[in-house]
Amino acid sequence: MTEANITVYGADWCPDCRRTKRFLDEHSIPYKWMDTDTDKEAEAFVRHINDGKRIIPTIIFDDDSFLVEPSNTELADKLGLPLPI
C-alpha cells in the first residue's frame, strides 16, 4: 500500500464524498478533509481546478495529480491498492 498525502475536497451532503471518505477510512489511508460548504477558499480552489465548476469530490495527491468524482476502482488504482472485485 502506498502512503500518500491526500486532500479531499467535498461536502457532507454529497454521496460520492461520503463513499470516498468511507473507502479511504476502510483502507486506513490518511487524508485531510476540506469542506467546500464551510470553507470558501476550498470551494474557490475546487472551482479553479475544475474550470469554474464545483465538482466534488475533488481529490488532490502529493504528486500534484488529482481525481474528480473517482470510482473506488480509480482510487484503488491510483493508491496502488488491490482492485475491488
PDB file of N, CA and C in Angstrom:
ATOM      1  N   MET A   1       0.850  -1.186   0.000  1.00  0.00           N
ATOM      2  CA  MET A   1       0.000   0.000   0.000  1.00  0.00           C
ATOM      3  C   MET A   1       0.884   1.234   0.000  1.00  0.00           C
ATOM      4  N   THR A   2       0.500   2.227  -0.740  1.00  0.00           N
ATOM      5  CA  THR A   2       1.241   3.463  -0.858  1.00  0.00           C
ATOM      6  C   THR A   2       0.733   4.474   0.156  1.00  0.00           C
ATOM      7  N   GLU A   3       1.654   5.061   0.946  1.00  0.00           N
ATOM      8  CA  GLU A   3       1.285   6.171   1.816  1.00  0.00           C
ATOM      9  C   GLU A   3       1.254   7.430   0.962  1.00  0.00           C
ATOM     10  N   ALA A   4       0.234   8.207   1.121  1.00  0.00           N
ATOM     11  CA  ALA A   4       0.125   9.419   0.311  1.00  0.00           C
ATOM     12  C   ALA A   4      -0.470  10.534   1.140  1.00  0.00           C
ATOM     13  N   ASN A   5      -0.059  11.744   0.854  1.00  0.00           N
ATOM     14  CA  ASN A   5      -0.703  12.909   1.431  1.00  0.00           C
ATOM     15  C   ASN A   5      -1.847  13.261   0.509  1.00  0.00           C
ATOM     16  N   ILE A   6      -3.052  13.106   1.019  1.00  0.00           N
ATOM     17  CA  ILE A   6      -4.246  13.279   0.209  1.00  0.00           C
ATOM     18  C   ILE A   6      -5.123  14.346   0.846  1.00  0.00           C
ATOM     19  N   THR A   7      -5.663  15.225  -0.005  1.00  0.00           N
ATOM     20  CA  THR A   7      -6.651  16.193   0.444  1.00  0.00           C
ATOM     21  C   THR A   7      -7.923  15.946  -0.343  1.00  0.00           C
ATOM     22  N   VAL A   8      -9.017  15.741   0.386  1.00  0.00           N
ATOM     23  CA  VAL A   8     -10.322  15.503  -0.230  1.00  0.00           C
ATOM     24  C   VAL A   8     -11.166  16.756  -0.041  1.00  0.00           C
ATOM     25  N   TYR A   9     -11.595  17.332  -1.149  1.00  0.00           N
ATOM     26  CA  TYR A   9     -12.487  18.492  -1.136  1.00  0.00           C
ATOM     27  C   TYR A   9     -13.891  17.984  -1.409  1.00  0.00           C
ATOM     28  N   GLY A  10     -14.813  18.322  -0.516  1.00  0.00           N
ATOM     29  CA  GLY A  10     -16.175  17.856  -0.707  1.00  0.00           C
ATOM     30  C   GLY A  10     -17.122  18.462   0.307  1.00  0.00           C
ATOM     31  N   ALA A  11     -18.294  17.847   0.414  1.00  0.00           N
ATOM     32  CA  ALA A  11     -19.328  18.317   1.333  1.00  0.00           C
ATOM     33  C   ALA A  11     -20.017  17.105   1.951  1.00  0.00           C
ATOM     34  N   ASP A  12     -20.466  17.275   3.183  1.00  0.00           N
ATOM     35  CA  ASP A  12     -21.079  16.164   3.901  1.00  0.00           C
ATOM     36  C   ASP A  12     -22.359  15.653   3.241  1.00  0.00           C
ATOM     37  N   TRP A  13     -23.076  16.493   2.505  1.00  0.00           N
ATOM     38  CA  TRP A  13     -24.327  16.077   1.867  1.00  0.00           C
ATOM     39  C   TRP A  13     -24.100  15.243   0.602  1.00  0.00           C
ATOM     40  N   CYS A  14     -22.872  15.208   0.107  1.00  0.00           N
ATOM     41  CA  CYS A  14     -22.541  14.576  -1.173  1.00  0.00           C
ATOM     42  C   CYS A  14     -22.322  13.064  -1.014  1.00  0.00           C
ATOM     43  N   PRO A  15     -23.158  12.232  -1.644  1.00  0.00           N
ATOM     44  CA  PRO A  15     -22.996  10.776  -1.528  1.00  0.00           C
ATOM     45  C   PRO A  15     -21.635  10.277  -2.025  1.00  0.00           C
ATOM     46  N   ASP A  16     -21.118  10.839  -3.122  1.00  0.00           N
ATOM     47  CA  ASP A  16     -19.811  10.417  -3.635  1.00  0.00           C
ATOM     48  C   ASP A  16     -18.691  10.795  -2.665  1.00  0.00           C
ATOM     49  N   CYS A  17     -18.850  11.916  -1.979  1.00  0.00           N
ATOM     50  CA  CYS A  17     -17.852  12.332  -0.984  1.00  0.00           C
ATOM     51  C   CYS A  17     -17.868  11.365   0.199  1.00  0.00           C
ATOM     52  N   ARG A  18     -19.042  10.990   0.653  1.00  0.00           N
ATOM     53  CA  ARG A  18     -19.154  10.032   1.765  1.00  0.00           C
ATOM     54  C   ARG A  18     -18.572   8.682   1.361  1.00  0.00           C
ATOM     55  N   ARG A  19     -18.830   8.248   0.136  1.00  0.00           N
ATOM     56  CA  ARG A  19     -18.283   6.976  -0.362  1.00  0.00           C
ATOM     57  C   ARG A  19     -16.764   7.032  -0.401  1.00  0.00           C
ATOM     58  N   THR A  20     -16.217   8.140  -0.874  1.00  0.00           N
ATOM     59  CA  THR A  20     -14.764   8.300  -0.954  1.00  0.00           C
ATOM     60  C   THR A  20     -14.139   8.270   0.438  1.00  0.00           C
ATOM     61  N   LYS A  21     -14.726   8.995   1.376  1.00  0.00           N
ATOM     62  CA  LYS A  21     -14.204   9.000   2.745  1.00  0.00           C
ATOM     63  C   LYS A  21     -14.281   7.593   3.353  1.00  0.00           C
ATOM     64  N   ARG A  22     -15.378   6.891   3.125  1.00  0.00           N
ATOM     65  CA  ARG A  22     -15.541   5.529   3.643  1.00  0.00           C
ATOM     66  C   ARG A  22     -14.459   4.611   3.054  1.00  0.00           C
ATOM     67  N   PHE A  23     -14.213   4.728   1.744  1.00  0.00           N
ATOM     68  CA  PHE A  23     -13.193   3.907   1.084  1.00  0.00           C
ATOM     69  C   PHE A  23     -11.819   4.173   1.698  1.00  0.00           C
ATOM     70  N   LEU A  24     -11.459   5.439   1.848  1.00  0.00           N
ATOM     71  CA  LEU A  24     -10.154   5.778   2.417  1.00  0.00           C
ATOM     72  C   LEU A  24     -10.052   5.292   3.862  1.00  0.00           C
ATOM     73  N   ASP A  25     -11.110   5.480   4.636  1.00  0.00           N
ATOM     74  CA  ASP A  25     -11.116   5.022   6.031  1.00  0.00           C
ATOM     75  C   ASP A  25     -10.970   3.504   6.111  1.00  0.00           C
ATOM     76  N   GLU A  26     -11.694   2.779   5.264  1.00  0.00           N
ATOM     77  CA  GLU A  26     -11.645   1.309   5.282  1.00  0.00           C
ATOM     78  C   GLU A  26     -10.252   0.783   4.952  1.00  0.00           C
ATOM     79  N   HIS A  27      -9.490   1.556   4.177  1.00  0.00           N
ATOM     80  CA  HIS A  27      -8.134   1.148   3.801  1.00  0.00           C
ATOM     81  C   HIS A  27      -7.064   1.851   4.639  1.00  0.00           C
ATOM     82  N   SER A  28      -7.496   2.519   5.699  1.00  0.00           N
ATOM     83  CA  SER A  28      -6.587   3.222   6.617  1.00  0.00           C
ATOM     84  C   SER A  28      -5.659   4.191   5.883  1.00  0.00           C
ATOM     85  N   ILE A  29      -6.219   4.880   4.890  1.00  0.00           N
ATOM     86  CA  ILE A  29      -5.475   5.890   4.130  1.00  0.00           C
ATOM     87  C   ILE A  29      -5.751   7.242   4.781  1.00  0.00           C
ATOM     88  N   PRO A  30      -4.720   7.880   5.331  1.00  0.00           N
ATOM     89  CA  PRO A  30      -4.949   9.194   5.941  1.00  0.00           C
ATOM     90  C   PRO A  30      -5.226  10.256   4.871  1.00  0.00           C
ATOM     91  N   TYR A  31      -6.083  11.185   5.213  1.00  0.00           N
ATOM     92  CA  TYR A  31      -6.410  12.262   4.288  1.00  0.00           C
ATOM     93  C   TYR A  31      -6.838  13.485   5.084  1.00  0.00           C
ATOM     94  N   LYS A  32      -6.757  14.615   4.425  1.00  0.00           N
ATOM     95  CA  LYS A  32      -7.250  15.864   5.010  1.00  0.00           C
ATOM     96  C   LYS A  32      -8.584  16.175   4.334  1.00  0.00           C
ATOM     97  N   TRP A  33      -9.590  16.500   5.134  1.00  0.00           N
ATOM     98  CA  TRP A  33     -10.923  16.820   4.624  1.00  0.00           C
ATOM     99  C   TRP A  33     -11.092  18.328   4.546  1.00  0.00           C
ATOM    100  N   MET A  34     -11.503  18.824   3.389  1.00  0.00           N
ATOM    101  CA  MET A  34     -11.788  20.243   3.191  1.00  0.00           C
ATOM    102  C   MET A  34     -13.249  20.371   2.783  1.00  0.00           C
ATOM    103  N   ASP A  35     -14.048  20.967   3.660  1.00  0.00           N
ATOM    104  CA  ASP A  35     -15.482  21.103   3.423  1.00  0.00           C
ATOM    105  C   ASP A  35     -15.749  22.336   2.568  1.00  0.00           C
ATOM    106  N   THR A  36     -16.208  22.103   1.362  1.00  0.00           N
ATOM    107  CA  THR A  36     -16.436  23.214   0.427  1.00  0.00           C
ATOM    108  C   THR A  36     -17.671  24.026   0.766  1.00  0.00           C
ATOM    109  N   ASP A  37     -18.507  23.528   1.685  1.00  0.00           N
ATOM    110  CA  ASP A  37     -19.667  24.305   2.127  1.00  0.00           C
ATOM    111  C   ASP A  37     -19.285  25.347   3.173  1.00  0.00           C
ATOM    112  N   THR A  38     -18.334  25.013   4.032  1.00  0.00           N
ATOM    113  CA  THR A  38     -17.973  25.914   5.131  1.00  0.00           C
ATOM    114  C   THR A  38     -16.677  26.675   4.895  1.00  0.00           C
ATOM    115  N   ASP A  39     -15.876  26.234   3.926  1.00  0.00           N
ATOM    116  CA  ASP A  39     -14.583  26.864   3.650  1.00  0.00           C
ATOM    117  C   ASP A  39     -14.618  27.442   2.237  1.00  0.00           C
ATOM    118  N   LYS A  40     -14.788  28.745   2.152  1.00  0.00           N
ATOM    119  CA  LYS A  40     -14.922  29.396   0.836  1.00  0.00           C
ATOM    120  C   LYS A  40     -13.633  29.307   0.014  1.00  0.00           C
ATOM    121  N   GLU A  41     -12.477  29.267   0.676  1.00  0.00           N
ATOM    122  CA  GLU A  41     -11.220  29.087  -0.062  1.00  0.00           C
ATOM    123  C   GLU A  41     -11.168  27.692  -0.682  1.00  0.00           C
ATOM    124  N   ALA A  42     -11.658  26.693   0.032  1.00  0.00           N
ATOM    125  CA  ALA A  42     -11.711  25.333  -0.503  1.00  0.00           C
ATOM    126  C   ALA A  42     -12.644  25.276  -1.714  1.00  0.00           C
ATOM    127  N   GLU A  43     -13.798  25.933  -1.589  1.00  0.00           N
ATOM    128  CA  GLU A  43     -14.735  25.968  -2.716  1.00  0.00           C
ATOM    129  C   GLU A  43     -14.099  26.674  -3.915  1.00  0.00           C
ATOM    130  N   ALA A  44     -13.413  27.782  -3.689  1.00  0.00           N
ATOM    131  CA  ALA A  44     -12.759  28.522  -4.777  1.00  0.00           C
ATOM    132  C   ALA A  44     -11.685  27.662  -5.436  1.00  0.00           C
ATOM    133  N   PHE A  45     -10.933  26.899  -4.636  1.00  0.00           N
ATOM    134  CA  PHE A  45      -9.906  26.022  -5.188  1.00  0.00           C
ATOM    135  C   PHE A  45     -10.526  24.968  -6.103  1.00  0.00           C
ATOM    136  N   VAL A  46     -11.615  24.355  -5.650  1.00  0.00           N
ATOM    137  CA  VAL A  46     -12.298  23.338  -6.456  1.00  0.00           C
ATOM    138  C   VAL A  46     -12.786  23.951  -7.767  1.00  0.00           C
ATOM    139  N   ARG A  47     -13.360  25.127  -7.691  1.00  0.00           N
ATOM    140  CA  ARG A  47     -13.828  25.787  -8.921  1.00  0.00           C
ATOM    141  C   ARG A  47     -12.655  26.111  -9.851  1.00  0.00           C
ATOM    142  N   HIS A  48     -11.541  26.526  -9.285  1.00  0.00           N
ATOM    143  CA  HIS A  48     -10.351  26.858 -10.084  1.00  0.00           C
ATOM    144  C   HIS A  48      -9.827  25.617 -10.814  1.00  0.00           C
ATOM    145  N   ILE A  49      -9.675  24.535 -10.083  1.00  0.00           N
ATOM    146  CA  ILE A  49      -9.074  23.329 -10.673  1.00  0.00           C
ATOM    147  C   ILE A  49     -10.020  22.629 -11.650  1.00  0.00           C
ATOM    148  N   ASN A  50     -11.331  22.878 -11.514  1.00  0.00           N
ATOM    149  CA  ASN A  50     -12.341  22.238 -12.374  1.00  0.00           C
ATOM    150  C   ASN A  50     -12.975  23.214 -13.360  1.00  0.00           C
ATOM    151  N   ASP A  51     -12.200  24.180 -13.813  1.00  0.00           N
ATOM    152  CA  ASP A  51     -12.656  25.119 -14.850  1.00  0.00           C
ATOM    153  C   ASP A  51     -13.975  25.806 -14.499  1.00  0.00           C
ATOM    154  N   GLY A  52     -14.067  26.265 -13.248  1.00  0.00           N
ATOM    155  CA  GLY A  52     -15.230  27.032 -12.815  1.00  0.00           C
ATOM    156  C   GLY A  52     -16.378  26.216 -12.259  1.00  0.00           C
ATOM    157  N   LYS A  53     -16.249  24.900 -12.296  1.00  0.00           N
ATOM    158  CA  LYS A  53     -17.330  24.036 -11.803  1.00  0.00           C
ATOM    159  C   LYS A  53     -17.014  23.548 -10.394  1.00  0.00           C
ATOM    160  N   ARG A  54     -18.050  23.417  -9.580  1.00  0.00           N
ATOM    161  CA  ARG A  54     -17.891  22.894  -8.224  1.00  0.00           C
ATOM    162  C   ARG A  54     -18.183  21.401  -8.258  1.00  0.00           C
ATOM    163  N   ILE A  55     -17.207  20.634  -8.725  1.00  0.00           N
ATOM    164  CA  ILE A  55     -17.362  19.190  -8.848  1.00  0.00           C
ATOM    165  C   ILE A  55     -16.670  18.541  -7.645  1.00  0.00           C
ATOM    166  N   ILE A  56     -17.447  17.786  -6.885  1.00  0.00           N
ATOM    167  CA  ILE A  56     -16.896  17.121  -5.709  1.00  0.00           C
ATOM    168  C   ILE A  56     -17.306  15.663  -5.703  1.00  0.00           C
ATOM    169  N   PRO A  57     -16.477  14.801  -5.130  1.00  0.00           N
ATOM    170  CA  PRO A  57     -15.211  15.122  -4.510  1.00  0.00           C
ATOM    171  C   PRO A  57     -14.119  15.390  -5.543  1.00  0.00           C
ATOM    172  N   THR A  58     -13.267  16.330  -5.197  1.00  0.00           N
ATOM    173  CA  THR A  58     -12.022  16.563  -5.916  1.00  0.00           C
ATOM    174  C   THR A  58     -10.917  16.157  -4.952  1.00  0.00           C
ATOM    175  N   ILE A  59     -10.050  15.251  -5.390  1.00  0.00           N
ATOM    176  CA  ILE A  59      -9.038  14.670  -4.518  1.00  0.00           C
ATOM    177  C   ILE A  59      -7.657  15.016  -5.067  1.00  0.00           C
ATOM    178  N   ILE A  60      -6.848  15.664  -4.226  1.00  0.00           N
ATOM    179  CA  ILE A  60      -5.504  16.092  -4.607  1.00  0.00           C
ATOM    180  C   ILE A  60      -4.492  15.164  -3.940  1.00  0.00           C
ATOM    181  N   PHE A  61      -3.505  14.715  -4.698  1.00  0.00           N
ATOM    182  CA  PHE A  61      -2.469  13.811  -4.197  1.00  0.00           C
ATOM    183  C   PHE A  61      -1.140  14.544  -4.064  1.00  0.00           C
ATOM    184  N   ASP A  62      -0.218  13.934  -3.319  1.00  0.00           N
ATOM    185  CA  ASP A  62       1.061  14.600  -3.042  1.00  0.00           C
ATOM    186  C   ASP A  62       1.939  14.792  -4.272  1.00  0.00           C
ATOM    187  N   ASP A  63       1.609  14.116  -5.373  1.00  0.00           N
ATOM    188  CA  ASP A  63       2.362  14.330  -6.615  1.00  0.00           C
ATOM    189  C   ASP A  63       1.706  15.408  -7.483  1.00  0.00           C
ATOM    190  N   ASP A  64       0.780  16.173  -6.891  1.00  0.00           N
ATOM    191  CA  ASP A  64       0.035  17.257  -7.550  1.00  0.00           C
ATOM    192  C   ASP A  64      -0.962  16.769  -8.598  1.00  0.00           C
ATOM    193  N   SER A  65      -1.159  15.472  -8.690  1.00  0.00           N
ATOM    194  CA  SER A  65      -2.214  14.966  -9.561  1.00  0.00           C
ATOM    195  C   SER A  65      -3.537  15.040  -8.797  1.00  0.00           C
ATOM    196  N   PHE A  66      -4.633  14.900  -9.521  1.00  0.00           N
ATOM    197  CA  PHE A  66      -5.927  14.926  -8.858  1.00  0.00           C
ATOM    198  C   PHE A  66      -6.928  14.054  -9.610  1.00  0.00           C
ATOM    199  N   LEU A  67      -7.931  13.625  -8.867  1.00  0.00           N
ATOM    200  CA  LEU A  67      -9.055  12.890  -9.436  1.00  0.00           C
ATOM    201  C   LEU A  67     -10.331  13.632  -9.063  1.00  0.00           C
ATOM    202  N   VAL A  68     -11.280  13.618  -9.974  1.00  0.00           N
ATOM    203  CA  VAL A  68     -12.564  14.264  -9.747  1.00  0.00           C
ATOM    204  C   VAL A  68     -13.649  13.204  -9.859  1.00  0.00           C
ATOM    205  N   GLU A  69     -14.451  13.093  -8.806  1.00  0.00           N
ATOM    206  CA  GLU A  69     -15.524  12.097  -8.739  1.00  0.00           C
ATOM    207  C   GLU A  69     -15.033  10.696  -9.120  1.00  0.00           C
ATOM    208  N   PRO A  70     -13.929  10.243  -8.531  1.00  0.00           N
ATOM    209  CA  PRO A  70     -13.416   8.928  -8.928  1.00  0.00           C
ATOM    210  C   PRO A  70     -14.258   7.793  -8.364  1.00  0.00           C
ATOM    211  N   SER A  71     -14.246   6.697  -9.076  1.00  0.00           N
ATOM    212  CA  SER A  71     -14.852   5.467  -8.560  1.00  0.00           C
ATOM    213  C   SER A  71     -13.894   4.848  -7.541  1.00  0.00           C
ATOM    214  N   ASN A  72     -14.368   3.880  -6.780  1.00  0.00           N
ATOM    215  CA  ASN A  72     -13.483   3.176  -5.854  1.00  0.00           C
ATOM    216  C   ASN A  72     -12.362   2.470  -6.612  1.00  0.00           C
ATOM    217  N   THR A  73     -12.658   1.954  -7.794  1.00  0.00           N
ATOM    218  CA  THR A  73     -11.649   1.292  -8.610  1.00  0.00           C
ATOM    219  C   THR A  73     -10.559   2.278  -9.029  1.00  0.00           C
ATOM    220  N   GLU A  74     -10.949   3.484  -9.441  1.00  0.00           N
ATOM    221  CA  GLU A  74      -9.969   4.503  -9.824  1.00  0.00           C
ATOM    222  C   GLU A  74      -9.099   4.906  -8.631  1.00  0.00           C
ATOM    223  N   LEU A  75      -9.721   5.029  -7.459  1.00  0.00           N
ATOM    224  CA  LEU A  75      -8.957   5.361  -6.251  1.00  0.00           C
ATOM    225  C   LEU A  75      -7.975   4.250  -5.907  1.00  0.00           C
ATOM    226  N   ALA A  76      -8.432   3.009  -5.945  1.00  0.00           N
ATOM    227  CA  ALA A  76      -7.570   1.869  -5.640  1.00  0.00           C
ATOM    228  C   ALA A  76      -6.384   1.832  -6.596  1.00  0.00           C
ATOM    229  N   ASP A  77      -6.639   2.052  -7.868  1.00  0.00           N
ATOM    230  CA  ASP A  77      -5.571   2.048  -8.864  1.00  0.00           C
ATOM    231  C   ASP A  77      -4.552   3.158  -8.577  1.00  0.00           C
ATOM    232  N   LYS A  78      -5.028   4.352  -8.294  1.00  0.00           N
ATOM    233  CA  LYS A  78      -4.144   5.488  -8.017  1.00  0.00           C
ATOM    234  C   LYS A  78      -3.292   5.235  -6.770  1.00  0.00           C
ATOM    235  N   LEU A  79      -3.882   4.580  -5.764  1.00  0.00           N
ATOM    236  CA  LEU A  79      -3.196   4.362  -4.497  1.00  0.00           C
ATOM    237  C   LEU A  79      -2.401   3.064  -4.448  1.00  0.00           C
ATOM    238  N   GLY A  80      -2.441   2.300  -5.539  1.00  0.00           N
ATOM    239  CA  GLY A  80      -1.700   1.052  -5.576  1.00  0.00           C
ATOM    240  C   GLY A  80      -2.307  -0.039  -4.707  1.00  0.00           C
ATOM    241  N   LEU A  81      -3.616   0.047  -4.482  1.00  0.00           N
ATOM    242  CA  LEU A  81      -4.318  -0.952  -3.690  1.00  0.00           C
ATOM    243  C   LEU A  81      -4.840  -2.057  -4.611  1.00  0.00           C
ATOM    244  N   PRO A  82      -5.074  -3.235  -4.054  1.00  0.00           N
ATOM    245  CA  PRO A  82      -5.704  -4.279  -4.875  1.00  0.00           C
ATOM    246  C   PRO A  82      -7.059  -3.781  -5.373  1.00  0.00           C
ATOM    247  N   LEU A  83      -7.338  -4.024  -6.621  1.00  0.00           N
ATOM    248  CA  LEU A  83      -8.597  -3.545  -7.195  1.00  0.00           C
ATOM    249  C   LEU A  83      -9.766  -4.311  -6.621  1.00  0.00           C
ATOM    250  N   PRO A  84     -10.878  -3.592  -6.322  1.00  0.00           N
ATOM    251  CA  PRO A  84     -12.066  -4.282  -5.812  1.00  0.00           C
ATOM    252  C   PRO A  84     -12.597  -5.279  -6.823  1.00  0.00           C
ATOM    253  N   ILE A  85     -13.152  -6.353  -6.309  1.00  0.00           N
ATOM    254  CA  ILE A  85     -13.708  -7.397  -7.200  1.00  0.00           C
ATOM    255  C   ILE A  85     -15.106  -7.005  -7.630  1.00  0.00           C
TER     256      ILE A  85
END
